[in-house]
Amino acid sequence: MQAMKSIGAGMMALLLGLMVLTSQVQAADKAKLEEFLEVTGFDVALDSIRLSAENAPQMLGLDAQDFGFHWGRMTTDVFGADLMHDMAIEFLGETLDEEHLDHAAGFYATDLGKRLVAVENKSHMSDDDDLKSESGEAIIAGLVRIGSPRVQILKRMNAASDSAGNGLRAIQEVQVRFLMAAAGAGIIELQMDEPDLRELLRTGEDELRLSMQTSGLASAAYVYQAFSDAEMEDYTAALEHPMIRHVYDLMNAVQFEIMADRFEALAARMKGVQPSEEL
């Protein structure tokens, strides 16, 4: 599939690293992968990528309204659910072995796992980020006041879901590839080359990482507010298991690669619709 050829160097290295175990055992078949996407909610997480397209014009110093009715059509086509689903199946089919798949799917098939996926799916497709942020921050403030252990549980949970610590770098990779693709399509004019752009994005990286951790904590507090401390401890313990850590690292890499690929495709579709702008 053409998407496989466009993997950036950083994400390619991560995906290749995660294929080590798969090279020693038989990869999961397509039917089991389809079930895996549904039971874990990864299919919904992939579909939610299209919501991120709302911020794409801002990354270029533009506005979605500048593209008129074309914008809705472009994003619908580029971020098609079936297309992203097929890309995920291909990537996972080459990197996820049945032992790890069965372990992760086994947890999410439990009563607790199903309830967790239900609220996570709802959160993925919600565009009310301000509500989640404000309500989550209020919840965290209350938990801190009473000295609740839940704050530390949520911190552990968030850390376990990105044990490789690649979230920030992956987002930067998406930005670089989108900006370079937009420049290549003549949508914007970049006043710097790719290495300088990457260096610019690394400026203030520590502050950005802290901001992501803070917002992630608030989001988790809001999304999982209906679950008990004991249930969140069980969830965190499940995520901290080496097998699920591996699966999450893989899913994160696949999700960000699909996002980067689709943003590059979006830049190509924007060509000719919007006059060049200087960035």
Protein backbone atom coordinates (compact mmCIF):
# COMPACT_ATOMS: atom_id res chain seq x y z
CA MET A 1 0.00 0.00 0.00
CA GLN A 2 1.30 3.44 -0.89
CA ALA A 3 0.94 4.76 2.66
CA MET A 4 3.67 2.39 3.84
CA LYS A 5 6.17 4.10 1.54
CA SER A 6 5.58 7.52 3.10
CA ILE A 7 6.49 6.66 6.68
CA GLY A 8 8.81 9.31 8.14
CA ALA A 9 12.21 8.22 9.39
CA GLY A 10 11.31 8.54 13.06
CA MET A 11 8.06 6.60 12.88
CA MET A 12 9.55 4.05 10.52
CA ALA A 13 12.27 3.33 13.08
CA LEU A 14 9.69 2.91 15.82
CA LEU A 15 7.51 0.61 13.73
CA LEU A 16 10.50 -1.48 12.71
CA GLY A 17 11.56 -1.75 16.32
CA LEU A 18 8.11 -2.92 17.30
CA MET A 19 8.23 -5.62 14.61
CA VAL A 20 10.99 -7.57 16.38
CA LEU A 21 8.63 -9.89 18.21
CA THR A 22 6.43 -10.30 15.14
CA SER A 23 9.39 -11.54 13.12
CA GLN A 24 9.62 -14.50 15.49
CA VAL A 25 5.95 -15.45 15.56
CA GLN A 26 3.06 -15.49 13.14
CA ALA A 27 1.29 -12.16 12.77
CA ALA A 28 -2.41 -11.93 13.60
CA ASP A 29 -4.84 -12.64 10.78
CA LYS A 30 -7.17 -9.99 9.38
CA ALA A 31 -10.36 -11.30 11.04
CA LYS A 32 -8.77 -11.11 14.48
CA LEU A 33 -7.39 -7.65 13.71
CA GLU A 34 -10.87 -6.44 12.75
CA GLU A 35 -12.19 -7.69 16.09
CA PHE A 36 -9.24 -6.12 17.87
CA LEU A 37 -9.95 -2.67 16.41
CA GLU A 38 -13.55 -2.84 17.58
CA VAL A 39 -13.06 -4.32 21.05
CA THR A 40 -10.27 -1.87 21.94
CA GLY A 41 -12.03 1.15 20.42
CA PHE A 42 -9.04 1.77 18.15
CA ASP A 43 -11.40 2.02 15.16
CA VAL A 44 -13.15 4.99 16.77
CA ALA A 45 -9.82 6.57 17.75
CA LEU A 46 -8.77 6.36 14.09
CA ASP A 47 -12.05 7.88 12.90
CA SER A 48 -11.51 10.79 15.30
CA ILE A 49 -8.36 11.77 13.38
CA ARG A 50 -10.57 13.68 10.97
CA LEU A 51 -11.53 16.03 13.82
CA SER A 52 -7.91 17.14 13.98
CA ALA A 53 -8.25 18.45 10.42
CA GLU A 54 -10.18 21.38 11.83
CA ASN A 55 -6.85 22.81 13.02
CA ALA A 56 -5.00 22.15 9.76
CA PRO A 57 -5.54 25.59 8.18
CA GLN A 58 -4.37 27.31 11.38
CA MET A 59 -1.08 25.40 11.16
CA LEU A 60 -0.58 27.11 7.80
CA GLY A 61 -1.68 30.56 8.94
CA LEU A 62 -4.96 30.16 7.07
CA ASP A 63 -8.64 29.62 7.91
CA ALA A 64 -10.95 26.80 6.85
CA GLN A 65 -13.41 29.40 5.57
CA ASP A 66 -10.81 30.44 3.01
CA PHE A 67 -11.53 27.18 1.20
CA GLY A 68 -15.31 27.60 1.20
CA PHE A 69 -17.40 24.51 0.48
CA HIS A 70 -14.30 22.68 -0.75
CA TRP A 71 -13.03 22.21 2.81
CA GLY A 72 -15.76 19.85 3.99
CA ARG A 73 -15.48 17.77 0.83
CA MET A 74 -11.69 17.56 1.07
CA THR A 75 -11.58 16.47 4.70
CA THR A 76 -14.35 13.92 4.17
CA ASP A 77 -12.45 12.34 1.29
CA VAL A 78 -8.95 12.51 2.78
CA PHE A 79 -9.92 11.33 6.26
CA GLY A 80 -12.33 8.64 5.13
CA ALA A 81 -13.02 6.13 7.92
CA ASP A 82 -12.74 3.11 5.62
CA LEU A 83 -9.44 4.29 4.19
CA MET A 84 -7.84 4.88 7.60
CA HIS A 85 -9.28 1.59 8.83
CA ASP A 86 -7.62 -0.31 5.97
CA MET A 87 -4.31 1.45 6.59
CA ALA A 88 -4.44 0.43 10.26
CA ILE A 89 -5.21 -3.18 9.37
CA GLU A 90 -2.20 -3.27 7.04
CA PHE A 91 0.20 -1.73 9.55
CA LEU A 92 -1.02 -3.86 12.44
CA GLY A 93 -1.04 -6.96 10.27
CA GLU A 94 2.70 -6.55 9.78
CA THR A 95 3.58 -5.63 13.36
CA LEU A 96 1.13 -7.17 15.84
CA ASP A 97 1.43 -10.84 16.75
CA GLU A 98 -1.45 -12.94 18.07
CA GLU A 99 -0.06 -13.35 21.58
CA HIS A 100 -0.01 -9.61 22.22
CA LEU A 101 -3.32 -9.11 20.39
CA ASP A 102 -5.07 -11.77 22.48
CA HIS A 103 -3.71 -10.38 25.74
CA ALA A 104 -4.88 -6.82 25.02
CA ALA A 105 -8.21 -7.86 23.54
CA GLY A 106 -8.81 -10.15 26.51
CA PHE A 107 -8.72 -7.24 28.94
CA TYR A 108 -10.97 -5.01 26.83
CA ALA A 109 -13.47 -7.85 26.44
CA THR A 110 -14.08 -7.84 30.22
CA ASP A 111 -16.96 -5.90 31.76
CA LEU A 112 -14.58 -3.18 32.95
CA GLY A 113 -12.83 -3.08 29.59
CA LYS A 114 -16.12 -2.68 27.71
CA ARG A 115 -17.23 0.17 29.97
CA LEU A 116 -13.86 1.90 29.56
CA VAL A 117 -14.01 1.63 25.78
CA ALA A 118 -17.55 3.05 25.77
CA VAL A 119 -16.52 6.27 27.54
CA GLU A 120 -13.28 6.50 25.57
CA ASN A 121 -15.16 6.20 22.28
CA LYS A 122 -17.55 8.95 23.35
CA SER A 123 -14.63 11.17 24.32
CA HIS A 124 -12.78 10.56 21.04
CA MET A 125 -15.71 11.79 18.97
CA SER A 126 -16.53 14.78 21.18
CA ASP A 127 -15.43 18.17 19.92
CA ASP A 128 -16.12 19.95 23.22
CA ASP A 129 -12.51 20.14 24.37
CA ASP A 130 -13.14 23.24 26.46
CA LEU A 131 -15.70 21.38 28.59
CA LYS A 132 -13.36 18.44 29.12
CA SER A 133 -10.49 20.74 30.00
CA GLU A 134 -12.36 23.01 32.40
CA SER A 135 -14.30 20.22 34.09
CA GLY A 136 -11.22 18.01 34.30
CA GLU A 137 -9.13 20.76 35.87
CA ALA A 138 -11.85 21.34 38.46
CA ILE A 139 -11.93 17.62 39.26
CA ILE A 140 -8.14 17.49 39.65
CA ALA A 141 -8.19 20.55 41.92
CA GLY A 142 -10.79 18.87 44.11
CA LEU A 143 -8.85 15.61 44.26
CA VAL A 144 -5.69 17.47 45.26
CA ARG A 145 -7.52 19.31 48.04
CA ILE A 146 -8.68 16.09 49.65
CA GLY A 147 -5.38 14.30 49.07
CA SER A 148 -6.94 11.64 46.88
CA PRO A 149 -4.64 8.88 45.56
CA ARG A 150 -6.57 9.04 42.28
CA VAL A 151 -4.34 11.79 40.91
CA GLN A 152 -1.29 9.52 41.05
CA ILE A 153 -3.30 6.65 39.56
CA LEU A 154 -4.30 8.84 36.60
CA LYS A 155 -0.70 9.98 36.14
CA ARG A 156 0.46 6.36 36.06
CA MET A 157 -2.31 5.47 33.62
CA ASN A 158 -1.39 8.26 31.20
CA ALA A 159 2.31 7.38 31.41
CA ALA A 160 1.57 3.71 30.71
CA SER A 161 -0.48 4.54 27.60
CA ASP A 162 2.62 6.17 26.06
CA SER A 163 5.41 4.20 27.69
CA ALA A 164 7.77 4.91 24.80
CA GLY A 165 7.32 8.64 25.39
CA ASN A 166 6.88 9.35 21.69
CA GLY A 167 3.72 11.44 21.85
CA LEU A 168 5.37 14.85 21.61
CA ARG A 169 7.84 13.85 18.91
CA ALA A 170 5.06 12.19 16.91
CA ILE A 171 3.01 15.39 16.95
CA GLN A 172 6.06 17.34 15.80
CA GLU A 173 6.55 14.81 12.99
CA VAL A 174 2.97 15.35 11.84
CA GLN A 175 3.50 19.12 11.84
CA VAL A 176 6.76 18.92 9.89
CA ARG A 177 5.39 16.58 7.25
CA PHE A 178 2.24 18.68 6.80
CA LEU A 179 4.16 21.95 6.52
CA MET A 180 6.69 20.48 4.09
CA ALA A 181 3.89 18.97 1.99
CA ALA A 182 2.02 22.29 1.98
CA ALA A 183 5.18 24.10 0.89
CA GLY A 184 5.79 21.51 -1.81
CA ALA A 185 2.24 22.01 -3.06
CA GLY A 186 2.75 25.78 -3.23
CA ILE A 187 0.13 26.53 -0.57
CA ILE A 188 2.63 28.34 1.64
CA GLU A 189 6.17 29.63 1.33
CA LEU A 190 8.56 28.40 3.99
CA GLN A 191 11.42 30.67 4.95
CA MET A 192 13.45 27.76 6.34
CA ASP A 193 14.48 24.28 5.35
CA GLU A 194 13.34 21.08 7.07
CA PRO A 195 16.20 20.79 9.63
CA ASP A 196 15.65 24.38 10.76
CA LEU A 197 11.91 23.78 10.98
CA ARG A 198 12.46 20.74 13.18
CA GLU A 199 14.81 22.73 15.39
CA LEU A 200 12.24 25.52 15.69
CA LEU A 201 9.57 23.06 16.82
CA ARG A 202 11.94 21.73 19.48
CA THR A 203 12.10 25.21 21.03
CA GLY A 204 10.11 25.19 24.23
CA GLU A 205 9.75 21.40 24.06
CA ASP A 206 9.89 20.98 27.84
CA GLU A 207 7.08 23.48 28.35
CA LEU A 208 4.99 21.82 25.65
CA ARG A 209 5.54 18.38 27.18
CA LEU A 210 4.41 19.68 30.58
CA SER A 211 1.36 21.30 28.99
CA MET A 212 0.47 17.99 27.30
CA GLN A 213 0.83 16.12 30.59
CA THR A 214 -1.35 18.65 32.40
CA SER A 215 -4.08 18.63 29.76
CA GLY A 216 -3.90 14.83 29.54
CA LEU A 217 -4.40 14.55 33.29
CA ALA A 218 -7.41 16.87 33.22
CA SER A 219 -8.89 14.96 30.28
CA ALA A 220 -8.45 11.62 32.06
CA ALA A 221 -10.06 13.00 35.22
CA TYR A 222 -13.10 14.06 33.21
CA VAL A 223 -13.43 10.99 30.98
CA TYR A 224 -13.09 8.42 33.79
CA GLN A 225 -14.95 10.30 36.52
CA ALA A 226 -17.67 7.62 36.76
CA PHE A 227 -15.15 4.88 37.61
CA SER A 228 -14.02 4.05 41.14
CA ASP A 229 -10.44 4.34 42.34
CA ALA A 230 -10.25 0.54 42.47
CA GLU A 231 -11.38 0.25 38.86
CA MET A 232 -8.86 2.87 37.73
CA GLU A 233 -6.14 1.02 39.64
CA ASP A 234 -7.11 -2.18 37.80
CA TYR A 235 -7.05 -0.35 34.47
CA THR A 236 -3.68 1.20 35.21
CA ALA A 237 -2.23 -2.14 36.26
CA ALA A 238 -3.48 -3.66 32.98
CA LEU A 239 -1.87 -0.86 30.95
CA GLU A 240 1.40 -1.29 32.81
CA HIS A 241 1.67 -4.94 31.79
CA PRO A 242 4.58 -5.31 29.32
CA MET A 243 2.36 -6.87 26.65
CA ILE A 244 -0.20 -4.06 26.67
CA ARG A 245 2.59 -1.47 26.84
CA HIS A 246 3.96 -2.98 23.62
CA VAL A 247 0.52 -2.94 22.00
CA TYR A 248 -0.08 0.69 22.97
CA ASP A 249 3.32 1.77 21.69
CA LEU A 250 2.45 0.10 18.41
CA MET A 251 -1.05 1.58 18.20
CA ASN A 252 0.29 5.06 18.97
CA ALA A 253 2.89 4.74 16.22
CA VAL A 254 0.29 3.51 13.73
CA GLN A 255 -2.20 6.24 14.64
CA PHE A 256 0.34 9.05 14.25
CA GLU A 257 1.67 7.61 10.98
CA ILE A 258 -1.85 7.52 9.56
CA MET A 259 -2.43 11.08 10.78
CA ALA A 260 0.81 12.30 9.15
CA ASP A 261 0.03 10.47 5.91
CA ARG A 262 -3.48 11.95 5.75
CA PHE A 263 -2.23 15.47 6.48
CA GLU A 264 0.23 15.12 3.61
CA ALA A 265 -2.65 13.98 1.40
CA LEU A 266 -4.71 16.94 2.60
CA ALA A 267 -1.96 19.35 1.55
CA ALA A 268 -1.97 17.80 -1.93
CA ARG A 269 -5.75 18.25 -2.17
CA MET A 270 -5.51 21.87 -1.02
CA LYS A 271 -3.24 22.69 -3.96
CA GLY A 272 -4.93 24.97 -6.43
CA VAL A 273 -7.81 25.80 -4.07
CA GLN A 274 -5.99 28.44 -1.98
CA PRO A 275 -3.52 31.05 -3.28
CA SER A 276 -0.01 30.83 -1.83
CA GLU A 277 0.52 32.44 1.54
CA GLU A 278 3.80 33.26 3.28
CA LEU A 279 4.56 31.49 6.59
